[in-house]
């Protein structure tokens, strides 16, 4: 605990201009990295995979669309605007500037004296996210999904902040539109967003004990498992074990028994969300560069949950619903690093909102105490 306090003092004692400078440096480094990657022929990480399929579909060489991303690329090609290089450059621009700034803006707290510092700190964290940088090396769908999801979060946030019923209704309709769009990119991402849209008002993170959530969450999934509702998800997971989806970083959790379902779920949570599963050197790098910071932020959020607001509730409902599906359906650590991007960013936003609200609360208390002392004197 003392180490965390010292880290808090060290990180948050710098002026916001320091973090703005760091963000600029990170942006320049990413630009140079992408330039080097382009000069080396996009082979720094081996190339291929989904991006080749998306390119083939855009050119009409493939007729099966597995999600909406290749359909959008085909449409660009039909109107004469498609180029693999230009789409890749667009996604790189989104990763370098747009997504970090969008995420940082989502952590806005009204009248917060720390917002400028929080903005650039969060922008630096997202800007330095290794998996996001990797996903921008070609025309993968994930970067554009993160962008759409961030814009959708603004709609959810606005729905909680506006007072007029008509504006809330408009935000709700827009939210349904974003859930459909995200569903077309990745079904369980749209489901997670829809769950946050519909049920975040029923969940108060600041009120309910953490242990209660950690009991009800797997218990609810276990009930769905008994009823057979999770069968389509677990059938997909079985492809990791029958040879259909082989990979060197497969975990080997099968959810094949009623008695082991809950322990298997917590193992999947431990391995895939927190990164405590080291199958190769890349998994170690991912843990050091991504998971450690996430775990520290999550610990802070859980410890200071009384400062959560409605938008934090929304983020955590999304976290639970979205993670519930992919933790059951995925059994590969490489894929997990891509899927958990949304979970990690949700916690980072929640962290900076809670940090600012806690600081405001402590500041008000200290000013009130100073006023009382002055009156006494």
Protein backbone atom coordinates (compact mmCIF):
# COMPACT_ATOMS: atom_id res chain seq x y z
CA UNK A 1 0.00 0.00 0.00
CA UNK A 2 2.82 2.40 0.83
CA UNK A 3 4.32 1.71 -2.60
CA UNK A 4 1.04 2.61 -4.25
CA UNK A 5 0.86 5.85 -2.31
CA UNK A 6 4.42 6.77 -3.33
CA UNK A 7 3.61 5.96 -6.97
CA UNK A 8 0.48 8.12 -6.73
CA UNK A 9 2.51 11.06 -5.43
CA UNK A 10 5.24 10.59 -8.05
CA UNK A 11 2.93 10.30 -11.06
CA UNK A 12 0.46 13.00 -10.12
CA UNK A 13 2.96 15.61 -8.93
CA UNK A 14 4.05 16.54 -12.47
CA UNK A 15 2.48 19.48 -14.27
CA UNK A 16 0.02 18.74 -17.06
CA UNK A 17 2.48 20.23 -19.58
CA UNK A 18 4.84 17.34 -18.80
CA UNK A 19 2.19 14.85 -19.84
CA UNK A 20 1.32 16.90 -22.91
CA UNK A 21 4.99 16.77 -23.88
CA UNK A 22 5.04 13.00 -23.29
CA UNK A 23 1.97 12.61 -25.49
CA UNK A 24 3.67 14.56 -28.28
CA UNK A 25 6.79 12.40 -27.96
CA UNK A 26 4.72 9.22 -28.04
CA UNK A 27 2.85 10.44 -31.11
CA UNK A 28 6.11 11.19 -32.92
CA UNK A 29 7.54 7.79 -31.96
CA UNK A 30 4.45 6.02 -33.26
CA UNK A 31 4.65 7.98 -36.49
CA UNK A 32 8.29 6.96 -36.90
CA UNK A 33 7.43 3.37 -36.07
CA UNK A 34 4.68 3.26 -38.68
CA UNK A 35 7.00 4.89 -41.22
CA UNK A 36 9.61 2.20 -40.51
CA UNK A 37 6.96 -0.49 -40.74
CA UNK A 38 5.86 0.86 -44.13
CA UNK A 39 9.43 0.96 -45.41
CA UNK A 40 9.97 -2.65 -44.31
CA UNK A 41 6.88 -3.78 -46.23
CA UNK A 42 4.50 -4.23 -43.31
CA UNK A 43 6.41 -7.34 -42.23
CA UNK A 44 7.66 -6.31 -38.81
CA UNK A 45 5.14 -8.69 -37.25
CA UNK A 46 4.80 -11.18 -40.04
CA UNK A 47 1.82 -9.63 -41.83
CA UNK A 48 -1.15 -11.59 -43.20
CA UNK A 49 -4.02 -12.98 -41.11
CA UNK A 50 -7.36 -11.14 -41.15
CA UNK A 51 -6.07 -8.15 -43.07
CA UNK A 52 -5.41 -10.21 -46.21
CA UNK A 53 -8.97 -11.54 -46.12
CA UNK A 54 -10.39 -8.03 -45.70
CA UNK A 55 -8.33 -6.82 -48.65
CA UNK A 56 -9.46 -9.75 -50.81
CA UNK A 57 -13.11 -9.14 -50.00
CA UNK A 58 -12.78 -5.42 -50.74
CA UNK A 59 -11.45 -6.29 -54.20
CA UNK A 60 -14.22 -8.81 -54.83
CA UNK A 61 -11.91 -11.84 -54.58
CA UNK A 62 -13.88 -13.23 -51.63
CA UNK A 63 -17.68 -13.38 -51.35
CA UNK A 64 -18.19 -14.30 -47.68
CA UNK A 65 -18.43 -11.37 -45.26
CA UNK A 66 -17.91 -12.44 -41.65
CA UNK A 67 -18.61 -8.95 -40.27
CA UNK A 68 -19.39 -5.44 -41.47
CA UNK A 69 -15.77 -4.29 -41.84
CA UNK A 70 -15.07 -6.02 -45.19
CA UNK A 71 -18.46 -4.80 -46.41
CA UNK A 72 -17.42 -1.21 -45.68
CA UNK A 73 -14.14 -1.77 -47.49
CA UNK A 74 -15.99 -3.26 -50.49
CA UNK A 75 -18.26 -0.20 -50.55
CA UNK A 76 -15.20 2.07 -50.61
CA UNK A 77 -13.85 0.03 -53.49
CA UNK A 78 -17.17 0.25 -55.37
CA UNK A 79 -17.14 4.05 -55.18
CA UNK A 80 -13.49 4.19 -56.19
CA UNK A 81 -12.09 5.27 -52.81
CA UNK A 82 -10.50 2.04 -51.61
CA UNK A 83 -6.78 1.60 -51.19
CA UNK A 84 -5.25 -0.78 -48.65
CA UNK A 85 -2.47 1.72 -48.00
CA UNK A 86 -4.86 4.66 -47.53
CA UNK A 87 -7.14 2.71 -45.18
CA UNK A 88 -4.09 1.66 -43.18
CA UNK A 89 -2.89 5.27 -43.00
CA UNK A 90 -6.36 6.35 -41.82
CA UNK A 91 -6.31 3.73 -39.05
CA UNK A 92 -2.81 4.82 -38.04
CA UNK A 93 -4.01 8.42 -37.77
CA UNK A 94 -6.89 7.26 -35.56
CA UNK A 95 -4.47 5.40 -33.28
CA UNK A 96 -1.92 8.22 -33.11
CA UNK A 97 -4.31 11.08 -32.34
CA UNK A 98 -8.04 10.40 -32.43
CA UNK A 99 -8.53 7.47 -30.04
CA UNK A 100 -6.20 8.77 -27.27
CA UNK A 101 -7.89 12.19 -27.31
CA UNK A 102 -11.40 10.71 -27.45
CA UNK A 103 -10.71 8.43 -24.49
CA UNK A 104 -9.14 11.28 -22.53
CA UNK A 105 -12.21 13.45 -23.16
CA UNK A 106 -14.47 10.70 -21.82
CA UNK A 107 -12.81 11.11 -18.41
CA UNK A 108 -14.10 14.68 -18.10
CA UNK A 109 -15.30 15.69 -14.63
CA UNK A 110 -17.10 19.02 -14.31
CA UNK A 111 -15.22 21.70 -12.37
CA UNK A 112 -12.31 19.36 -11.74
CA UNK A 113 -9.04 21.21 -11.00
CA UNK A 114 -7.18 18.11 -12.21
CA UNK A 115 -8.92 17.62 -15.55
CA UNK A 116 -6.08 19.03 -17.66
CA UNK A 117 -3.58 16.73 -16.00
CA UNK A 118 -5.96 13.75 -16.12
CA UNK A 119 -6.68 14.40 -19.80
CA UNK A 120 -3.06 14.23 -20.91
CA UNK A 121 -2.15 11.38 -18.54
CA UNK A 122 -4.93 9.22 -19.94
CA UNK A 123 -4.03 10.26 -23.49
CA UNK A 124 -0.47 9.07 -22.81
CA UNK A 125 -1.64 5.73 -21.42
CA UNK A 126 -3.84 5.01 -24.44
CA UNK A 127 -1.22 6.34 -26.83
CA UNK A 128 1.34 3.91 -25.40
CA UNK A 129 -1.00 0.90 -25.53
CA UNK A 130 1.09 -1.70 -27.45
CA UNK A 131 -1.79 -3.81 -28.76
CA UNK A 132 -3.53 -0.77 -30.24
CA UNK A 133 -0.32 0.17 -32.02
CA UNK A 134 0.04 -3.34 -33.42
CA UNK A 135 -3.59 -3.38 -34.62
CA UNK A 136 -2.88 -0.27 -36.69
CA UNK A 137 -0.11 -1.94 -38.68
CA UNK A 138 -2.64 -3.13 -41.27
CA UNK A 139 -6.37 -2.93 -42.09
CA UNK A 140 -7.60 -4.84 -39.04
CA UNK A 141 -11.13 -3.97 -37.91
CA UNK A 142 -10.22 -3.51 -34.24
CA UNK A 143 -8.96 0.07 -34.46
CA UNK A 144 -12.11 1.31 -36.17
CA UNK A 145 -14.19 -0.64 -33.65
CA UNK A 146 -12.49 1.15 -30.77
CA UNK A 147 -13.17 4.47 -32.49
CA UNK A 148 -16.89 3.69 -32.98
CA UNK A 149 -17.15 2.40 -29.42
CA UNK A 150 -15.59 5.60 -28.01
CA UNK A 151 -18.07 7.75 -29.93
CA UNK A 152 -20.85 5.51 -28.65
CA UNK A 153 -19.64 6.05 -25.08
CA UNK A 154 -20.11 9.80 -25.57
CA UNK A 155 -23.76 9.08 -26.37
CA UNK A 156 -24.15 7.02 -23.19
CA UNK A 157 -22.46 9.69 -21.11
CA UNK A 158 -24.67 12.40 -22.56
CA UNK A 159 -27.76 10.33 -21.79
CA UNK A 160 -26.82 10.35 -18.11
CA UNK A 161 -25.96 14.05 -18.01
CA UNK A 162 -28.87 15.72 -19.83
CA UNK A 163 -32.02 16.46 -17.88
CA UNK A 164 -34.58 16.88 -20.65
CA UNK A 165 -36.55 13.70 -21.29
CA UNK A 166 -36.60 14.37 -25.03
CA UNK A 167 -32.80 14.58 -25.18
CA UNK A 168 -32.47 11.41 -23.10
CA UNK A 169 -34.78 9.66 -25.55
CA UNK A 170 -32.71 10.86 -28.51
CA UNK A 171 -29.53 9.60 -26.83
CA UNK A 172 -31.25 6.28 -26.16
CA UNK A 173 -32.20 5.87 -29.82
CA UNK A 174 -28.66 6.79 -30.87
CA UNK A 175 -27.38 4.27 -28.34
CA UNK A 176 -29.49 1.54 -29.96
CA UNK A 177 -27.95 2.53 -33.28
CA UNK A 178 -24.44 2.23 -31.90
CA UNK A 179 -25.21 -1.12 -30.30
CA UNK A 180 -26.39 -2.40 -33.70
CA UNK A 181 -23.29 -1.04 -35.41
CA UNK A 182 -20.96 -2.59 -32.83
CA UNK A 183 -22.90 -5.85 -33.05
CA UNK A 184 -22.20 -5.93 -36.77
CA UNK A 185 -18.48 -5.55 -36.05
CA UNK A 186 -18.38 -8.05 -33.18
CA UNK A 187 -21.67 -9.41 -31.74
CA UNK A 188 -20.61 -9.52 -28.09
CA UNK A 189 -19.18 -6.00 -28.28
CA UNK A 190 -22.59 -4.76 -29.37
CA UNK A 191 -24.18 -6.88 -26.65
CA UNK A 192 -21.89 -5.33 -24.03
CA UNK A 193 -22.77 -1.83 -25.21
CA UNK A 194 -26.49 -2.69 -25.25
CA UNK A 195 -26.24 -4.10 -21.73
CA UNK A 196 -24.66 -0.83 -20.54
CA UNK A 197 -27.38 1.13 -22.31
CA UNK A 198 -30.25 -0.85 -20.79
CA UNK A 199 -29.04 -1.96 -17.37
CA UNK A 200 -26.45 0.50 -16.08
CA UNK A 201 -29.23 2.45 -14.35
CA UNK A 202 -30.01 -0.67 -12.29
CA UNK A 203 -26.46 -1.12 -11.03
CA UNK A 204 -24.74 1.13 -8.49
CA UNK A 205 -21.09 0.27 -8.22
CA UNK A 206 -20.61 2.65 -5.30
CA UNK A 207 -23.38 0.94 -3.32
CA UNK A 208 -22.93 -2.80 -3.87
CA UNK A 209 -19.99 -4.62 -2.22
CA UNK A 210 -17.34 -5.92 -4.59
CA UNK A 211 -17.64 -9.43 -3.16
CA UNK A 212 -21.37 -9.45 -3.99
CA UNK A 213 -20.65 -8.61 -7.62
CA UNK A 214 -17.95 -11.28 -7.80
CA UNK A 215 -20.45 -13.85 -6.48
CA UNK A 216 -23.49 -12.84 -8.52
CA UNK A 217 -21.52 -12.57 -11.79
CA UNK A 218 -20.38 -16.24 -12.02
CA UNK A 219 -23.58 -17.43 -10.37
CA UNK A 220 -25.65 -15.78 -13.10
CA UNK A 221 -23.44 -17.30 -15.80
CA UNK A 222 -23.70 -20.70 -14.11
CA UNK A 223 -27.50 -20.47 -14.21
CA UNK A 224 -27.34 -19.66 -17.93
CA UNK A 225 -24.98 -22.62 -18.39
CA UNK A 226 -27.41 -25.00 -16.66
CA UNK A 227 -30.24 -23.74 -18.87
CA UNK A 228 -28.18 -24.35 -21.99
CA UNK A 229 -28.22 -20.71 -23.07
CA UNK A 230 -24.42 -20.56 -23.25
CA UNK A 231 -24.19 -23.55 -25.59
CA UNK A 232 -23.53 -21.49 -28.80
CA UNK A 233 -20.66 -19.64 -27.08
CA UNK A 234 -19.12 -22.81 -25.66
CA UNK A 235 -19.52 -24.56 -29.00
CA UNK A 236 -17.40 -21.85 -30.55
CA UNK A 237 -14.83 -22.27 -27.77
CA UNK A 238 -14.66 -26.00 -28.51
CA UNK A 239 -13.13 -25.17 -31.90
CA UNK A 240 -9.96 -24.18 -30.04
CA UNK A 241 -9.70 -27.78 -28.85
CA UNK A 242 -10.87 -29.85 -31.83
CA UNK A 243 -8.23 -28.52 -34.21
CA UNK A 244 -10.40 -25.94 -36.00
CA UNK A 245 -8.78 -22.97 -34.26
CA UNK A 246 -5.33 -24.18 -33.31
CA UNK A 247 -2.81 -21.76 -31.89
CA UNK A 248 0.42 -21.79 -29.98
CA UNK A 249 -1.07 -19.69 -27.20
CA UNK A 250 -4.25 -21.69 -26.56
CA UNK A 251 -5.06 -22.00 -22.86
CA UNK A 252 -6.90 -25.33 -22.65
CA UNK A 253 -9.94 -24.42 -20.52
CA UNK A 254 -12.95 -26.33 -21.89
CA UNK A 255 -15.95 -25.60 -19.57
CA UNK A 256 -16.91 -29.25 -20.00
CA UNK A 257 -18.30 -29.94 -16.53
CA UNK A 258 -21.03 -28.49 -14.33
CA UNK A 259 -18.79 -28.95 -11.30
CA UNK A 260 -15.81 -27.11 -12.77
CA UNK A 261 -17.70 -24.31 -14.55
CA UNK A 262 -17.20 -21.63 -11.88
CA UNK A 263 -13.50 -22.47 -11.20
CA UNK A 264 -12.91 -22.57 -14.97
CA UNK A 265 -14.53 -19.16 -15.36
CA UNK A 266 -12.30 -17.64 -12.69
CA UNK A 267 -9.27 -19.27 -14.33
CA UNK A 268 -10.28 -17.79 -17.67
CA UNK A 269 -10.73 -14.42 -15.96
CA UNK A 270 -7.34 -14.67 -14.27
CA UNK A 271 -5.49 -15.75 -17.39
CA UNK A 272 -7.13 -13.63 -20.07
CA UNK A 273 -8.15 -10.40 -18.32
CA UNK A 274 -5.25 -10.05 -15.92
CA UNK A 275 -2.70 -11.73 -18.17
CA UNK A 276 -1.41 -14.26 -15.61
CA UNK A 277 -0.71 -16.91 -18.23
CA UNK A 278 2.72 -16.90 -19.81
CA UNK A 279 2.97 -19.14 -22.85
CA UNK A 280 5.77 -17.24 -24.62
CA UNK A 281 7.83 -14.07 -24.37
CA UNK A 282 5.08 -12.00 -26.03
CA UNK A 283 2.66 -12.88 -23.21
CA UNK A 284 5.27 -11.69 -20.70
CA UNK A 285 5.73 -8.43 -22.60
CA UNK A 286 1.94 -7.94 -22.75
CA UNK A 287 1.68 -8.50 -19.01
CA UNK A 288 4.44 -6.03 -18.18
CA UNK A 289 3.38 -3.34 -20.67
CA UNK A 290 -0.40 -3.66 -20.34
CA UNK A 291 -1.69 -5.80 -17.49
CA UNK A 292 0.30 -4.38 -14.57
CA UNK A 293 -0.99 -0.85 -15.16
CA UNK A 294 -4.52 -2.20 -15.65
CA UNK A 295 -4.36 -4.11 -12.35
CA UNK A 296 -3.17 -1.01 -10.47
CA UNK A 297 -5.97 1.06 -12.01
CA UNK A 298 -8.54 -1.65 -11.21
CA UNK A 299 -7.35 -1.86 -7.61
CA UNK A 300 -7.74 1.92 -7.26
CA UNK A 301 -11.23 1.82 -8.77
CA UNK A 302 -12.36 -0.96 -6.43
CA UNK A 303 -10.83 0.69 -3.38
CA UNK A 304 -12.42 4.10 -4.10
CA UNK A 305 -15.72 2.94 -5.60
CA UNK A 306 -17.73 5.31 -3.42
CA UNK A 307 -16.66 8.12 -5.75
CA UNK A 308 -18.12 6.43 -8.82
CA UNK A 309 -20.76 8.25 -10.85
CA UNK A 310 -23.41 7.00 -13.29
CA UNK A 311 -20.99 6.86 -16.18
CA UNK A 312 -18.58 4.70 -14.17
CA UNK A 313 -21.53 2.39 -13.43
CA UNK A 314 -22.14 2.24 -17.18
CA UNK A 315 -18.51 1.39 -17.92
CA UNK A 316 -18.48 -1.43 -15.38
CA UNK A 317 -21.75 -2.91 -16.64
CA UNK A 318 -20.21 -2.91 -20.10
CA UNK A 319 -17.05 -4.50 -18.67
CA UNK A 320 -19.02 -7.37 -17.10
CA UNK A 321 -21.40 -8.09 -20.00
CA UNK A 322 -18.72 -7.87 -22.70
CA UNK A 323 -16.14 -9.86 -20.73
CA UNK A 324 -18.70 -12.54 -19.83
CA UNK A 325 -19.09 -13.54 -23.47
CA UNK A 326 -15.50 -13.46 -24.66
CA UNK A 327 -14.08 -15.08 -21.52
CA UNK A 328 -16.37 -18.03 -22.24
CA UNK A 329 -15.91 -18.05 -26.01
CA UNK A 330 -12.17 -17.43 -26.37
CA UNK A 331 -9.36 -19.78 -25.37
CA UNK A 332 -6.36 -18.08 -26.97
CA UNK A 333 -4.08 -15.57 -25.25
CA UNK A 334 -3.13 -13.80 -28.46
CA UNK A 335 -6.80 -13.14 -29.22
CA UNK A 336 -7.38 -12.15 -25.59
CA UNK A 337 -4.96 -9.23 -25.89
CA UNK A 338 -7.13 -7.86 -28.71
CA UNK A 339 -10.47 -8.53 -27.04
CA UNK A 340 -9.57 -7.03 -23.66
CA UNK A 341 -8.64 -3.62 -25.12
CA UNK A 342 -12.19 -2.44 -24.45
CA UNK A 343 -12.10 -3.75 -20.87
CA UNK A 344 -8.79 -2.08 -20.14
CA UNK A 345 -9.82 1.28 -21.58
CA UNK A 346 -13.09 1.14 -19.61
CA UNK A 347 -11.15 0.75 -16.36
CA UNK A 348 -8.71 3.53 -17.28
CA UNK A 349 -11.59 5.95 -17.88
CA UNK A 350 -13.23 4.89 -14.62
CA UNK A 351 -9.93 5.35 -12.78
CA UNK A 352 -9.45 8.96 -13.89
CA UNK A 353 -13.06 9.90 -13.22
CA UNK A 354 -12.88 8.47 -9.70
CA UNK A 355 -9.48 10.04 -9.09
CA UNK A 356 -10.78 13.50 -10.00
CA UNK A 357 -13.99 13.11 -8.00
CA UNK A 358 -12.04 11.91 -4.98
CA UNK A 359 -9.68 14.87 -5.23
CA UNK A 360 -12.63 17.28 -5.44
CA UNK A 361 -14.25 15.67 -2.42
CA UNK A 362 -11.03 15.77 -0.39
CA UNK A 363 -10.46 19.39 -1.44
CA UNK A 364 -13.93 20.43 -0.30
CA UNK A 365 -13.41 18.68 3.03
CA UNK A 366 -10.01 20.29 3.58
CA UNK A 367 -11.34 23.75 2.71
CA UNK A 368 -14.27 23.20 5.03
CA UNK A 369 -11.95 22.15 7.86
CA UNK A 370 -9.74 25.18 7.24
CA UNK A 371 -12.77 27.44 7.39
CA UNK A 372 -13.86 25.95 10.71
CA UNK A 373 -10.37 26.39 12.17
CA UNK A 374 -10.28 30.03 11.02
CA UNK A 375 -13.65 30.74 12.63
CA UNK A 376 -12.49 29.12 15.86
CA UNK A 377 -9.35 31.26 15.94
